[in-house]
């Protein structure tokens, strides 16, 4: 799958209109300068030669050098990845809390007010464009109420000793509470925006699978033994419904990284998503290819981990 994606991205970038050299130098650069730059970047070679050269570099773990900054693409990705990872983890935790607990309670009280409200919420949130939701939250909490910042990761006046690149973790490690609260304020709006959108998927998955499990004989037997409702719901029904749910949640975590592009752009979040948008603007072929391949590798790794964990959790999968 990674090879197929690499082939598609490589050739599509070179087929669509636009010249990366002109994007870098501008349209008024002398012809000699343009040709020299094209030779320097290897764009004057036949496209097949360019492809196999790039394929050999990727096989060695070399994503190439950015044509815009002349820095290794892998180094730029490593600098940006912690910001995207922090946003993804925060959003994922929020989505899990909403999806699991609200979904389970909605299944237990099927067709009651809490269930109807859960279904309406999941349909509405799933249909709302993530960038529009982000803009509305910025307008309400950032502009009108002035409670939260509308962009960035850290205020200029706040200092932080960066060790891991995860600002919340770095502030906790250094016991820098001023930085912790400042980072949390910056993280809330983009994190809530992305978390709410994903929570709709989790909520419906949890609700539907738990409703199915509540109709099973082993759950009816647990009720007949006089177990507490919470034990029946969370200890029996939800626990057995969680195997297919876990697969979807794992894939959504991987897709969150790629899906954070619109959120990062809306909130000026300095992650991989906004990095990719910038590189597309300047037709930076190596950076675009490297970023997309990085996303693909991450999704494949998460998929493999999900399969392994499913085998460990569910004896039927092992069999």
Foldseek 3Di string as FASTA:
>chain_A
DLVVVLVVLLVVLVPDDDDLLCLQVPPPDDPVVSVVLCVVVVVVDPSVVVSVVCVVCVVVVFLDAWSRPRHGLVVLQQLFALLLLLLLVLLLVLLCVLQQPLLLVCLVVPPDPSVVVLLVLLVVLLPDDLLVQLVVCCCPCCPPVNPAPQAEQADPVDDFDDDNSNQCVRCVVVVPVVSNVRRCRLSPSLSNSSNSNSSSVSNVLQNVQLNVQCPDPVLVVVVVVVDDPVCSRVVGRSLVSCLVSLLVSLLVSLVSSVVCLSSCVSRVRRHLSVVLVVCVSSSRSSNNSVSVSVSVVSSVVSNVVSLVVSVVSDVVSVD
